[in-house]
Amino acid sequence: MEPDQTFLEYAVKALVDHPESVETTRTIDQMGVLLTLTVHPDDMGKIIGKSGKTAEALRILLRVVGMKGNARVNLKINEPVGGKRDTESKTVDQVVEEL
């Protein structure tokens, strides 16, 4: 496992209630390194943080780790199945009818 992926797993497992559910994948393309993070649905709020501050901090730290290896590292956080966010999209007419 690469240092950036190891760092991400270590940091995230320290933050969440379900560390056994933390999964990361690492892919490389012309834009750089992409780390994809999947966590337990109950832990999404802890990873995102208030106003996205925790996720932003993780991204900044990953960029620093990447600079040491001369690579651009990006983080994508997957929305888990059964997440608490309402993913159902509604039309304007449906919203008006609910009012």
C-alpha atoms as a PDB file:
ATOM      1  CA  MET A   1       0.000   0.000   0.000  1.00  0.00           C
ATOM      2  CA  GLU A   2       1.284   3.477  -0.897  1.00  0.00           C
ATOM      3  CA  PRO A   3       2.014   6.108   1.800  1.00  0.00           C
ATOM      4  CA  ASP A   4      -0.900   8.348   0.796  1.00  0.00           C
ATOM      5  CA  GLN A   5      -3.408   5.499   0.996  1.00  0.00           C
ATOM      6  CA  THR A   6      -1.925   4.290   4.297  1.00  0.00           C
ATOM      7  CA  PHE A   7      -2.189   7.788   5.761  1.00  0.00           C
ATOM      8  CA  LEU A   8      -5.814   8.170   4.648  1.00  0.00           C
ATOM      9  CA  GLU A   9      -6.869   4.842   6.167  1.00  0.00           C
ATOM     10  CA  TYR A  10      -5.049   5.608   9.433  1.00  0.00           C
ATOM     11  CA  ALA A  11      -6.627   9.068   9.783  1.00  0.00           C
ATOM     12  CA  VAL A  12     -10.147   7.976   8.845  1.00  0.00           C
ATOM     13  CA  LYS A  13     -10.136   4.883  11.068  1.00  0.00           C
ATOM     14  CA  ALA A  14      -9.226   7.131  14.011  1.00  0.00           C
ATOM     15  CA  LEU A  15     -12.263   9.345  13.327  1.00  0.00           C
ATOM     16  CA  VAL A  16     -15.071   6.831  12.729  1.00  0.00           C
ATOM     17  CA  ASP A  17     -17.126   4.498  14.930  1.00  0.00           C
ATOM     18  CA  HIS A  18     -16.936   1.612  12.432  1.00  0.00           C
ATOM     19  CA  PRO A  19     -13.255   1.363  11.393  1.00  0.00           C
ATOM     20  CA  GLU A  20     -13.795  -2.117   9.954  1.00  0.00           C
ATOM     21  CA  SER A  21     -16.033  -0.577   7.251  1.00  0.00           C
ATOM     22  CA  VAL A  22     -13.382   1.833   5.947  1.00  0.00           C
ATOM     23  CA  GLU A  23     -12.287   0.998   2.402  1.00  0.00           C
ATOM     24  CA  THR A  24      -9.955   2.912   0.124  1.00  0.00           C
ATOM     25  CA  THR A  25      -9.007   2.399  -3.499  1.00  0.00           C
ATOM     26  CA  ARG A  26      -6.150   4.087  -5.302  1.00  0.00           C
ATOM     27  CA  THR A  27      -6.094   4.821  -9.015  1.00  0.00           C
ATOM     28  CA  ILE A  28      -3.626   6.760 -11.123  1.00  0.00           C
ATOM     29  CA  ASP A  29      -4.505   8.701 -14.258  1.00  0.00           C
ATOM     30  CA  GLN A  30      -3.261  11.755 -16.155  1.00  0.00           C
ATOM     31  CA  MET A  31      -4.735  14.063 -13.447  1.00  0.00           C
ATOM     32  CA  GLY A  32      -2.717  12.371 -10.698  1.00  0.00           C
ATOM     33  CA  VAL A  33      -3.650   9.985  -7.895  1.00  0.00           C
ATOM     34  CA  LEU A  34      -7.306   9.503  -6.964  1.00  0.00           C
ATOM     35  CA  LEU A  35      -8.095   8.007  -3.572  1.00  0.00           C
ATOM     36  CA  THR A  36     -11.691   6.859  -3.206  1.00  0.00           C
ATOM     37  CA  LEU A  37     -13.019   6.493   0.322  1.00  0.00           C
ATOM     38  CA  THR A  38     -16.017   4.417   1.386  1.00  0.00           C
ATOM     39  CA  VAL A  39     -17.236   4.406   4.995  1.00  0.00           C
ATOM     40  CA  HIS A  40     -20.202   3.127   7.001  1.00  0.00           C
ATOM     41  CA  PRO A  41     -23.344   5.264   6.423  1.00  0.00           C
ATOM     42  CA  ASP A  42     -23.436   6.294  10.099  1.00  0.00           C
ATOM     43  CA  ASP A  43     -19.889   7.686   9.852  1.00  0.00           C
ATOM     44  CA  MET A  44     -20.423  10.002   6.867  1.00  0.00           C
ATOM     45  CA  GLY A  45     -21.078  13.021   9.088  1.00  0.00           C
ATOM     46  CA  LYS A  46     -17.824  12.507  10.946  1.00  0.00           C
ATOM     47  CA  ILE A  47     -15.841  12.311   7.721  1.00  0.00           C
ATOM     48  CA  ILE A  48     -17.503  15.310   6.079  1.00  0.00           C
ATOM     49  CA  GLY A  49     -17.566  17.401   9.269  1.00  0.00           C
ATOM     50  CA  LYS A  50     -19.367  20.634   9.961  1.00  0.00           C
ATOM     51  CA  SER A  51     -19.572  22.618   6.706  1.00  0.00           C
ATOM     52  CA  GLY A  52     -17.195  20.084   5.114  1.00  0.00           C
ATOM     53  CA  LYS A  53     -14.244  21.164   7.242  1.00  0.00           C
ATOM     54  CA  THR A  54     -13.026  17.645   8.105  1.00  0.00           C
ATOM     55  CA  ALA A  55     -13.121  16.513   4.466  1.00  0.00           C
ATOM     56  CA  GLU A  56     -11.332  19.706   3.438  1.00  0.00           C
ATOM     57  CA  ALA A  57      -8.624  19.112   6.056  1.00  0.00           C
ATOM     58  CA  LEU A  58      -8.138  15.513   4.865  1.00  0.00           C
ATOM     59  CA  ARG A  59      -7.751  16.748   1.285  1.00  0.00           C
ATOM     60  CA  ILE A  60      -5.160  19.343   2.316  1.00  0.00           C
ATOM     61  CA  LEU A  61      -3.155  16.780   4.282  1.00  0.00           C
ATOM     62  CA  LEU A  62      -3.292  14.345   1.353  1.00  0.00           C
ATOM     63  CA  ARG A  63      -1.920  17.046  -0.936  1.00  0.00           C
ATOM     64  CA  VAL A  64       0.987  17.529   1.477  1.00  0.00           C
ATOM     65  CA  VAL A  65       1.644  13.766   1.604  1.00  0.00           C
ATOM     66  CA  GLY A  66       1.469  13.708  -2.191  1.00  0.00           C
ATOM     67  CA  MET A  67       3.971  16.550  -2.540  1.00  0.00           C
ATOM     68  CA  LYS A  68       6.521  14.458  -0.702  1.00  0.00           C
ATOM     69  CA  GLY A  69       6.099  11.791  -3.381  1.00  0.00           C
ATOM     70  CA  ASN A  70       5.877  14.389  -6.175  1.00  0.00           C
ATOM     71  CA  ALA A  71       2.263  13.472  -6.982  1.00  0.00           C
ATOM     72  CA  ARG A  72      -1.073  15.301  -7.029  1.00  0.00           C
ATOM     73  CA  VAL A  73      -3.456  13.435  -4.708  1.00  0.00           C
ATOM     74  CA  ASN A  74      -7.231  13.924  -4.838  1.00  0.00           C
ATOM     75  CA  LEU A  75      -9.887  12.478  -2.526  1.00  0.00           C
ATOM     76  CA  LYS A  76     -13.342  11.299  -3.513  1.00  0.00           C
ATOM     77  CA  ILE A  77     -15.776  10.279  -0.774  1.00  0.00           C
ATOM     78  CA  ASN A  78     -18.377   7.770  -1.947  1.00  0.00           C
ATOM     79  CA  GLU A  79     -21.963   8.177  -0.807  1.00  0.00           C
ATOM     80  CA  PRO A  80     -22.663   4.850   0.940  1.00  0.00           C
ATOM     81  CA  VAL A  81     -25.678   2.711   0.146  1.00  0.00           C
ATOM     82  CA  GLY A  82     -28.327   3.518   2.719  1.00  0.00           C
ATOM     83  CA  GLY A  83     -26.879   6.951   3.403  1.00  0.00           C
ATOM     84  CA  LYS A  84     -28.908   9.538   5.258  1.00  0.00           C
ATOM     85  CA  ARG A  85     -28.874  12.101   2.448  1.00  0.00           C
ATOM     86  CA  ASP A  86     -32.055  12.231   0.374  1.00  0.00           C
ATOM     87  CA  THR A  87     -30.927  11.297  -3.134  1.00  0.00           C
ATOM     88  CA  GLU A  88     -34.414  11.331  -4.651  1.00  0.00           C
ATOM     89  CA  SER A  89     -34.723  14.217  -7.085  1.00  0.00           C
ATOM     90  CA  LYS A  90     -38.051  15.953  -7.448  1.00  0.00           C
ATOM     91  CA  THR A  91     -39.512  18.123 -10.147  1.00  0.00           C
ATOM     92  CA  VAL A  92     -40.657  21.658  -9.461  1.00  0.00           C
ATOM     93  CA  ASP A  93     -44.300  20.527  -9.756  1.00  0.00           C
ATOM     94  CA  GLN A  94     -43.770  17.834  -7.072  1.00  0.00           C
ATOM     95  CA  VAL A  95     -42.242  20.350  -4.690  1.00  0.00           C
ATOM     96  CA  VAL A  96     -45.101  22.807  -5.261  1.00  0.00           C
ATOM     97  CA  GLU A  97     -47.679  20.062  -4.640  1.00  0.00           C
ATOM     98  CA  GLU A  98     -46.024  19.217  -1.305  1.00  0.00           C
ATOM     99  CA  LEU A  99     -46.397  22.842  -0.216  1.00  0.00           C
END
